Amino acid sequence: MAKAEKLLAKLSQRPPPTDFRWDDLVTLMQQHGFTVTCGGGSHHKFQHTSGFTFGAARRHPGGLLMAYDVKNALEAIRRTQKRQP
């Protein structure tokens, strides 16, 4: 299983994982066609090639995601996969 597939499987767990790291999120989102930009501070924007965007905040220290960030990332992947041919 490729790293992106493992990360997606972990992200999809129920209940949402409490140990999903920021660096893993960036890797996963880039594998699914997203680019990440930082508007300043800890706020980042993920934009898909289709134009779909969502925001997330990088938490310090540790870089672990909050449950709602996990939910938003998973929803973004699902929405953009439906749009691809």
PDB file of N, CA and C in Angstrom:
ATOM      1  N   MET A   1       0.848  -1.175   0.000  1.00  0.00           N
ATOM      2  CA  MET A   1       0.000   0.000   0.000  1.00  0.00           C
ATOM      3  C   MET A   1       0.895   1.240   0.000  1.00  0.00           C
ATOM      4  N   ALA A   2       0.632   2.177  -0.889  1.00  0.00           N
ATOM      5  CA  ALA A   2       1.413   3.399  -0.990  1.00  0.00           C
ATOM      6  C   ALA A   2       1.165   4.293   0.226  1.00  0.00           C
ATOM      7  N   LYS A   3       2.105   5.210   0.467  1.00  0.00           N
ATOM      8  CA  LYS A   3       2.000   6.086   1.624  1.00  0.00           C
ATOM      9  C   LYS A   3       0.707   6.899   1.598  1.00  0.00           C
ATOM     10  N   ALA A   4       0.343   7.419   0.416  1.00  0.00           N
ATOM     11  CA  ALA A   4      -0.880   8.216   0.302  1.00  0.00           C
ATOM     12  C   ALA A   4      -2.111   7.386   0.649  1.00  0.00           C
ATOM     13  N   GLU A   5      -2.128   6.129   0.241  1.00  0.00           N
ATOM     14  CA  GLU A   5      -3.267   5.254   0.554  1.00  0.00           C
ATOM     15  C   GLU A   5      -3.344   4.977   2.054  1.00  0.00           C
ATOM     16  N   LYS A   6      -2.200   4.787   2.689  1.00  0.00           N
ATOM     17  CA  LYS A   6      -2.177   4.551   4.131  1.00  0.00           C
ATOM     18  C   LYS A   6      -2.659   5.786   4.888  1.00  0.00           C
ATOM     19  N   LEU A   7      -2.215   6.962   4.430  1.00  0.00           N
ATOM     20  CA  LEU A   7      -2.634   8.197   5.096  1.00  0.00           C
ATOM     21  C   LEU A   7      -4.130   8.429   4.920  1.00  0.00           C
ATOM     22  N   LEU A   8      -4.661   8.134   3.727  1.00  0.00           N
ATOM     23  CA  LEU A   8      -6.094   8.299   3.498  1.00  0.00           C
ATOM     24  C   LEU A   8      -6.891   7.327   4.360  1.00  0.00           C
ATOM     25  N   ALA A   9      -6.405   6.101   4.490  1.00  0.00           N
ATOM     26  CA  ALA A   9      -7.085   5.124   5.346  1.00  0.00           C
ATOM     27  C   ALA A   9      -7.095   5.593   6.795  1.00  0.00           C
ATOM     28  N   LYS A  10      -5.984   6.155   7.245  1.00  0.00           N
ATOM     29  CA  LYS A  10      -5.916   6.652   8.629  1.00  0.00           C
ATOM     30  C   LYS A  10      -6.849   7.850   8.806  1.00  0.00           C
ATOM     31  N   LEU A  11      -6.855   8.749   7.825  1.00  0.00           N
ATOM     32  CA  LEU A  11      -7.709   9.931   7.900  1.00  0.00           C
ATOM     33  C   LEU A  11      -9.185   9.551   7.936  1.00  0.00           C
ATOM     34  N   SER A  12      -9.540   8.437   7.292  1.00  0.00           N
ATOM     35  CA  SER A  12     -10.929   8.003   7.175  1.00  0.00           C
ATOM     36  C   SER A  12     -11.437   7.224   8.378  1.00  0.00           C
ATOM     37  N   GLN A  13     -10.596   6.962   9.353  1.00  0.00           N
ATOM     38  CA  GLN A  13     -11.003   6.177  10.523  1.00  0.00           C
ATOM     39  C   GLN A  13     -12.150   6.842  11.271  1.00  0.00           C
ATOM     40  N   ARG A  14     -12.964   6.020  11.887  1.00  0.00           N
ATOM     41  CA  ARG A  14     -14.032   6.496  12.772  1.00  0.00           C
ATOM     42  C   ARG A  14     -13.821   5.897  14.136  1.00  0.00           C
ATOM     43  N   PRO A  15     -13.738   6.646  15.188  1.00  0.00           N
ATOM     44  CA  PRO A  15     -13.744   8.112  15.231  1.00  0.00           C
ATOM     45  C   PRO A  15     -12.488   8.690  14.584  1.00  0.00           C
ATOM     46  N   PRO A  16     -12.515   9.978  14.233  1.00  0.00           N
ATOM     47  CA  PRO A  16     -11.362  10.592  13.566  1.00  0.00           C
ATOM     48  C   PRO A  16     -10.096  10.438  14.410  1.00  0.00           C
ATOM     49  N   PRO A  17      -8.960  10.243  13.756  1.00  0.00           N
ATOM     50  CA  PRO A  17      -7.721  10.075  14.511  1.00  0.00           C
ATOM     51  C   PRO A  17      -7.338  11.354  15.248  1.00  0.00           C
ATOM     52  N   THR A  18      -6.777  11.192  16.426  1.00  0.00           N
ATOM     53  CA  THR A  18      -6.334  12.345  17.213  1.00  0.00           C
ATOM     54  C   THR A  18      -4.834  12.559  17.082  1.00  0.00           C
ATOM     55  N   ASP A  19      -4.174  11.699  16.291  1.00  0.00           N
ATOM     56  CA  ASP A  19      -2.720  11.793  16.143  1.00  0.00           C
ATOM     57  C   ASP A  19      -2.288  12.014  14.698  1.00  0.00           C
ATOM     58  N   PHE A  20      -3.146  12.633  13.888  1.00  0.00           N
ATOM     59  CA  PHE A  20      -2.806  12.886  12.490  1.00  0.00           C
ATOM     60  C   PHE A  20      -1.962  14.154  12.430  1.00  0.00           C
ATOM     61  N   ARG A  21      -0.774  14.025  11.867  1.00  0.00           N
ATOM     62  CA  ARG A  21       0.204  15.116  11.868  1.00  0.00           C
ATOM     63  C   ARG A  21       0.032  16.043  10.661  1.00  0.00           C
ATOM     64  N   TRP A  22       0.420  17.296  10.851  1.00  0.00           N
ATOM     65  CA  TRP A  22       0.332  18.322   9.816  1.00  0.00           C
ATOM     66  C   TRP A  22       1.116  17.918   8.567  1.00  0.00           C
ATOM     67  N   ASP A  23       2.330  17.443   8.740  1.00  0.00           N
ATOM     68  CA  ASP A  23       3.159  17.059   7.602  1.00  0.00           C
ATOM     69  C   ASP A  23       2.505  15.947   6.789  1.00  0.00           C
ATOM     70  N   ASP A  24       1.823  15.033   7.468  1.00  0.00           N
ATOM     71  CA  ASP A  24       1.109  13.964   6.761  1.00  0.00           C
ATOM     72  C   ASP A  24      -0.072  14.532   5.981  1.00  0.00           C
ATOM     73  N   LEU A  25      -0.736  15.528   6.531  1.00  0.00           N
ATOM     74  CA  LEU A  25      -1.852  16.170   5.823  1.00  0.00           C
ATOM     75  C   LEU A  25      -1.352  16.833   4.543  1.00  0.00           C
ATOM     76  N   VAL A  26      -0.257  17.567   4.630  1.00  0.00           N
ATOM     77  CA  VAL A  26       0.289  18.243   3.452  1.00  0.00           C
ATOM     78  C   VAL A  26       0.662  17.214   2.384  1.00  0.00           C
ATOM     79  N   THR A  27       1.312  16.131   2.778  1.00  0.00           N
ATOM     80  CA  THR A  27       1.685  15.070   1.841  1.00  0.00           C
ATOM     81  C   THR A  27       0.452  14.483   1.163  1.00  0.00           C
ATOM     82  N   LEU A  28      -0.563  14.162   1.952  1.00  0.00           N
ATOM     83  CA  LEU A  28      -1.780  13.564   1.425  1.00  0.00           C
ATOM     84  C   LEU A  28      -2.496  14.503   0.459  1.00  0.00           C
ATOM     85  N   MET A  29      -2.619  15.757   0.849  1.00  0.00           N
ATOM     86  CA  MET A  29      -3.342  16.705   0.010  1.00  0.00           C
ATOM     87  C   MET A  29      -2.590  16.953  -1.298  1.00  0.00           C
ATOM     88  N   GLN A  30      -1.276  17.002  -1.257  1.00  0.00           N
ATOM     89  CA  GLN A  30      -0.507  17.185  -2.490  1.00  0.00           C
ATOM     90  C   GLN A  30      -0.673  15.985  -3.414  1.00  0.00           C
ATOM     91  N   GLN A  31      -0.774  14.797  -2.857  1.00  0.00           N
ATOM     92  CA  GLN A  31      -0.988  13.596  -3.664  1.00  0.00           C
ATOM     93  C   GLN A  31      -2.358  13.614  -4.347  1.00  0.00           C
ATOM     94  N   HIS A  32      -3.288  14.381  -3.785  1.00  0.00           N
ATOM     95  CA  HIS A  32      -4.639  14.467  -4.358  1.00  0.00           C
ATOM     96  C   HIS A  32      -4.861  15.755  -5.153  1.00  0.00           C
ATOM     97  N   GLY A  33      -3.777  16.418  -5.555  1.00  0.00           N
ATOM     98  CA  GLY A  33      -3.886  17.567  -6.454  1.00  0.00           C
ATOM     99  C   GLY A  33      -4.051  18.912  -5.795  1.00  0.00           C
ATOM    100  N   PHE A  34      -3.805  19.018  -4.503  1.00  0.00           N
ATOM    101  CA  PHE A  34      -3.916  20.282  -3.791  1.00  0.00           C
ATOM    102  C   PHE A  34      -2.543  20.941  -3.677  1.00  0.00           C
ATOM    103  N   THR A  35      -2.543  22.263  -3.652  1.00  0.00           N
ATOM    104  CA  THR A  35      -1.349  23.017  -3.303  1.00  0.00           C
ATOM    105  C   THR A  35      -1.645  23.734  -1.997  1.00  0.00           C
ATOM    106  N   VAL A  36      -0.621  23.989  -1.221  1.00  0.00           N
ATOM    107  CA  VAL A  36      -0.800  24.642   0.065  1.00  0.00           C
ATOM    108  C   VAL A  36      -0.047  25.961   0.059  1.00  0.00           C
ATOM    109  N   THR A  37      -0.733  27.002   0.540  1.00  0.00           N
ATOM    110  CA  THR A  37      -0.110  28.309   0.678  1.00  0.00           C
ATOM    111  C   THR A  37      -0.377  28.818   2.082  1.00  0.00           C
ATOM    112  N   CYS A  38       0.564  29.612   2.567  1.00  0.00           N
ATOM    113  CA  CYS A  38       0.433  30.178   3.908  1.00  0.00           C
ATOM    114  C   CYS A  38       0.170  31.664   3.774  1.00  0.00           C
ATOM    115  N   GLY A  39      -0.937  32.101   4.340  1.00  0.00           N
ATOM    116  CA  GLY A  39      -1.295  33.502   4.292  1.00  0.00           C
ATOM    117  C   GLY A  39      -0.661  34.313   5.407  1.00  0.00           C
ATOM    118  N   GLY A  40       0.043  33.647   6.267  1.00  0.00           N
ATOM    119  CA  GLY A  40       0.685  34.307   7.391  1.00  0.00           C
ATOM    120  C   GLY A  40       0.336  33.595   8.681  1.00  0.00           C
ATOM    121  N   GLY A  41       1.294  33.451   9.518  1.00  0.00           N
ATOM    122  CA  GLY A  41       1.058  32.767  10.784  1.00  0.00           C
ATOM    123  C   GLY A  41       0.805  31.288  10.570  1.00  0.00           C
ATOM    124  N   SER A  42      -0.182  30.767  11.266  1.00  0.00           N
ATOM    125  CA  SER A  42      -0.451  29.328  11.206  1.00  0.00           C
ATOM    126  C   SER A  42      -1.569  28.974  10.224  1.00  0.00           C
ATOM    127  N   HIS A  43      -2.169  29.963   9.584  1.00  0.00           N
ATOM    128  CA  HIS A  43      -3.294  29.704   8.693  1.00  0.00           C
ATOM    129  C   HIS A  43      -2.814  29.374   7.288  1.00  0.00           C
ATOM    130  N   HIS A  44      -3.291  28.238   6.779  1.00  0.00           N
ATOM    131  CA  HIS A  44      -2.897  27.752   5.466  1.00  0.00           C
ATOM    132  C   HIS A  44      -4.138  27.498   4.615  1.00  0.00           C
ATOM    133  N   LYS A  45      -3.971  27.649   3.307  1.00  0.00           N
ATOM    134  CA  LYS A  45      -5.061  27.400   2.375  1.00  0.00           C
ATOM    135  C   LYS A  45      -4.641  26.278   1.444  1.00  0.00           C
ATOM    136  N   PHE A  46      -5.526  25.293   1.302  1.00  0.00           N
ATOM    137  CA  PHE A  46      -5.319  24.190   0.371  1.00  0.00           C
ATOM    138  C   PHE A  46      -6.225  24.437  -0.821  1.00  0.00           C
ATOM    139  N   GLN A  47      -5.635  24.469  -2.020  1.00  0.00           N
ATOM    140  CA  GLN A  47      -6.421  24.709  -3.223  1.00  0.00           C
ATOM    141  C   GLN A  47      -6.197  23.574  -4.208  1.00  0.00           C
ATOM    142  N   HIS A  48      -7.315  23.036  -4.693  1.00  0.00           N
ATOM    143  CA  HIS A  48      -7.270  21.942  -5.666  1.00  0.00           C
ATOM    144  C   HIS A  48      -7.199  22.520  -7.063  1.00  0.00           C
ATOM    145  N   THR A  49      -6.714  21.731  -7.998  1.00  0.00           N
ATOM    146  CA  THR A  49      -6.619  22.180  -9.384  1.00  0.00           C
ATOM    147  C   THR A  49      -7.990  22.505  -9.981  1.00  0.00           C
ATOM    148  N   SER A  50      -9.061  21.962  -9.399  1.00  0.00           N
ATOM    149  CA  SER A  50     -10.416  22.249  -9.870  1.00  0.00           C
ATOM    150  C   SER A  50     -10.952  23.578  -9.330  1.00  0.00           C
ATOM    151  N   GLY A  51     -10.224  24.181  -8.384  1.00  0.00           N
ATOM    152  CA  GLY A  51     -10.653  25.447  -7.801  1.00  0.00           C
ATOM    153  C   GLY A  51     -11.215  25.318  -6.391  1.00  0.00           C
ATOM    154  N   PHE A  52     -11.469  24.109  -5.927  1.00  0.00           N
ATOM    155  CA  PHE A  52     -12.001  23.886  -4.576  1.00  0.00           C
ATOM    156  C   PHE A  52     -10.923  24.254  -3.549  1.00  0.00           C
ATOM    157  N   THR A  53     -11.308  25.020  -2.529  1.00  0.00           N
ATOM    158  CA  THR A  53     -10.360  25.417  -1.487  1.00  0.00           C
ATOM    159  C   THR A  53     -10.937  25.162  -0.105  1.00  0.00           C
ATOM    160  N   PHE A  54     -10.042  24.965   0.854  1.00  0.00           N
ATOM    161  CA  PHE A  54     -10.414  24.931   2.259  1.00  0.00           C
ATOM    162  C   PHE A  54      -9.211  25.368   3.079  1.00  0.00           C
ATOM    163  N   GLY A  55      -9.465  25.815   4.279  1.00  0.00           N
ATOM    164  CA  GLY A  55      -8.402  26.298   5.144  1.00  0.00           C
ATOM    165  C   GLY A  55      -8.186  25.392   6.342  1.00  0.00           C
ATOM    166  N   ALA A  56      -6.983  25.452   6.866  1.00  0.00           N
ATOM    167  CA  ALA A  56      -6.641  24.703   8.074  1.00  0.00           C
ATOM    168  C   ALA A  56      -5.558  25.480   8.801  1.00  0.00           C
ATOM    169  N   ALA A  57      -5.488  25.277  10.089  1.00  0.00           N
ATOM    170  CA  ALA A  57      -4.480  25.949  10.905  1.00  0.00           C
ATOM    171  C   ALA A  57      -3.481  24.925  11.417  1.00  0.00           C
ATOM    172  N   ARG A  58      -2.203  25.261  11.274  1.00  0.00           N
ATOM    173  CA  ARG A  58      -1.146  24.388  11.781  1.00  0.00           C
ATOM    174  C   ARG A  58      -0.975  24.676  13.264  1.00  0.00           C
ATOM    175  N   ARG A  59      -1.181  23.664  14.074  1.00  0.00           N
ATOM    176  CA  ARG A  59      -1.114  23.821  15.519  1.00  0.00           C
ATOM    177  C   ARG A  59       0.321  23.698  16.007  1.00  0.00           C
ATOM    178  N   HIS A  60       0.656  24.508  16.995  1.00  0.00           N
ATOM    179  CA  HIS A  60       1.983  24.456  17.612  1.00  0.00           C
ATOM    180  C   HIS A  60       1.799  24.250  19.098  1.00  0.00           C
ATOM    181  N   PRO A  61       2.605  23.551  19.783  1.00  0.00           N
ATOM    182  CA  PRO A  61       3.647  22.663  19.269  1.00  0.00           C
ATOM    183  C   PRO A  61       3.050  21.326  18.862  1.00  0.00           C
ATOM    184  N   GLY A  62       3.826  20.539  18.209  1.00  0.00           N
ATOM    185  CA  GLY A  62       3.416  19.177  17.871  1.00  0.00           C
ATOM    186  C   GLY A  62       2.834  19.011  16.489  1.00  0.00           C
ATOM    187  N   GLY A  63       2.043  19.938  16.011  1.00  0.00           N
ATOM    188  CA  GLY A  63       1.497  19.858  14.666  1.00  0.00           C
ATOM    189  C   GLY A  63       0.389  18.838  14.486  1.00  0.00           C
ATOM    190  N   LEU A  64      -0.317  18.475  15.554  1.00  0.00           N
ATOM    191  CA  LEU A  64      -1.430  17.533  15.425  1.00  0.00           C
ATOM    192  C   LEU A  64      -2.689  18.276  15.008  1.00  0.00           C
ATOM    193  N   LEU A  65      -3.480  17.632  14.153  1.00  0.00           N
ATOM    194  CA  LEU A  65      -4.710  18.251  13.660  1.00  0.00           C
ATOM    195  C   LEU A  65      -5.850  18.100  14.647  1.00  0.00           C
ATOM    196  N   MET A  66      -6.744  19.059  14.616  1.00  0.00           N
ATOM    197  CA  MET A  66      -7.972  18.976  15.383  1.00  0.00           C
ATOM    198  C   MET A  66      -8.964  18.114  14.599  1.00  0.00           C
ATOM    199  N   ALA A  67      -9.983  17.601  15.268  1.00  0.00           N
ATOM    200  CA  ALA A  67     -10.957  16.710  14.634  1.00  0.00           C
ATOM    201  C   ALA A  67     -11.663  17.391  13.457  1.00  0.00           C
ATOM    202  N   TYR A  68     -11.978  18.673  13.574  1.00  0.00           N
ATOM    203  CA  TYR A  68     -12.676  19.349  12.484  1.00  0.00           C
ATOM    204  C   TYR A  68     -11.763  19.551  11.270  1.00  0.00           C
ATOM    205  N   ASP A  69     -10.444  19.687  11.479  1.00  0.00           N
ATOM    206  CA  ASP A  69      -9.518  19.765  10.347  1.00  0.00           C
ATOM    207  C   ASP A  69      -9.463  18.433   9.607  1.00  0.00           C
ATOM    208  N   VAL A  70      -9.487  17.334  10.361  1.00  0.00           N
ATOM    209  CA  VAL A  70      -9.506  16.004   9.758  1.00  0.00           C
ATOM    210  C   VAL A  70     -10.772  15.843   8.922  1.00  0.00           C
ATOM    211  N   LYS A  71     -11.901  16.250   9.473  1.00  0.00           N
ATOM    212  CA  LYS A  71     -13.183  16.145   8.769  1.00  0.00           C
ATOM    213  C   LYS A  71     -13.180  16.997   7.497  1.00  0.00           C
ATOM    214  N   ASN A  72     -12.679  18.227   7.584  1.00  0.00           N
ATOM    215  CA  ASN A  72     -12.642  19.114   6.418  1.00  0.00           C
ATOM    216  C   ASN A  72     -11.722  18.575   5.324  1.00  0.00           C
ATOM    217  N   ALA A  73     -10.586  18.027   5.700  1.00  0.00           N
ATOM    218  CA  ALA A  73      -9.658  17.470   4.717  1.00  0.00           C
ATOM    219  C   ALA A  73     -10.274  16.271   4.009  1.00  0.00           C
ATOM    220  N   LEU A  74     -10.911  15.396   4.768  1.00  0.00           N
ATOM    221  CA  LEU A  74     -11.540  14.221   4.180  1.00  0.00           C
ATOM    222  C   LEU A  74     -12.669  14.618   3.238  1.00  0.00           C
ATOM    223  N   GLU A  75     -13.462  15.587   3.625  1.00  0.00           N
ATOM    224  CA  GLU A  75     -14.542  16.083   2.776  1.00  0.00           C
ATOM    225  C   GLU A  75     -13.980  16.705   1.495  1.00  0.00           C
ATOM    226  N   ALA A  76     -12.876  17.429   1.594  1.00  0.00           N
ATOM    227  CA  ALA A  76     -12.250  18.046   0.422  1.00  0.00           C
ATOM    228  C   ALA A  76     -11.783  16.980  -0.564  1.00  0.00           C
ATOM    229  N   ILE A  77     -11.185  15.918  -0.061  1.00  0.00           N
ATOM    230  CA  ILE A  77     -10.724  14.833  -0.934  1.00  0.00           C
ATOM    231  C   ILE A  77     -11.918  14.171  -1.618  1.00  0.00           C
ATOM    232  N   ARG A  78     -12.968  13.915  -0.869  1.00  0.00           N
ATOM    233  CA  ARG A  78     -14.159  13.281  -1.456  1.00  0.00           C
ATOM    234  C   ARG A  78     -14.791  14.151  -2.532  1.00  0.00           C
ATOM    235  N   ARG A  79     -14.907  15.440  -2.283  1.00  0.00           N
ATOM    236  CA  ARG A  79     -15.520  16.349  -3.263  1.00  0.00           C
ATOM    237  C   ARG A  79     -14.698  16.450  -4.531  1.00  0.00           C
ATOM    238  N   THR A  80     -13.396  16.524  -4.398  1.00  0.00           N
ATOM    239  CA  THR A  80     -12.558  16.700  -5.583  1.00  0.00           C
ATOM    240  C   THR A  80     -12.389  15.401  -6.362  1.00  0.00           C
ATOM    241  N   GLN A  81     -12.488  14.254  -5.707  1.00  0.00           N
ATOM    242  CA  GLN A  81     -12.417  12.985  -6.432  1.00  0.00           C
ATOM    243  C   GLN A  81     -13.631  12.804  -7.320  1.00  0.00           C
ATOM    244  N   LYS A  82     -14.776  13.290  -6.905  1.00  0.00           N
ATOM    245  CA  LYS A  82     -15.988  13.173  -7.707  1.00  0.00           C
ATOM    246  C   LYS A  82     -15.895  14.004  -8.971  1.00  0.00           C
ATOM    247  N   ARG A  83     -15.133  15.107  -8.931  1.00  0.00           N
ATOM    248  CA  ARG A  83     -15.025  16.012 -10.080  1.00  0.00           C
ATOM    249  C   ARG A  83     -14.036  15.523 -11.124  1.00  0.00           C
ATOM    250  N   GLN A  84     -13.120  14.649 -10.751  1.00  0.00           N
ATOM    251  CA  GLN A  84     -12.104  14.186 -11.681  1.00  0.00           C
ATOM    252  C   GLN A  84     -12.699  13.147 -12.628  1.00  0.00           C
ATOM    253  N   PRO A  85     -12.242  13.136 -13.900  1.00  0.00           N
ATOM    254  CA  PRO A  85     -12.778  12.169 -14.868  1.00  0.00           C
ATOM    255  C   PRO A  85     -12.371  10.757 -14.552  1.00  0.00           C
TER     256      PRO A  85
END
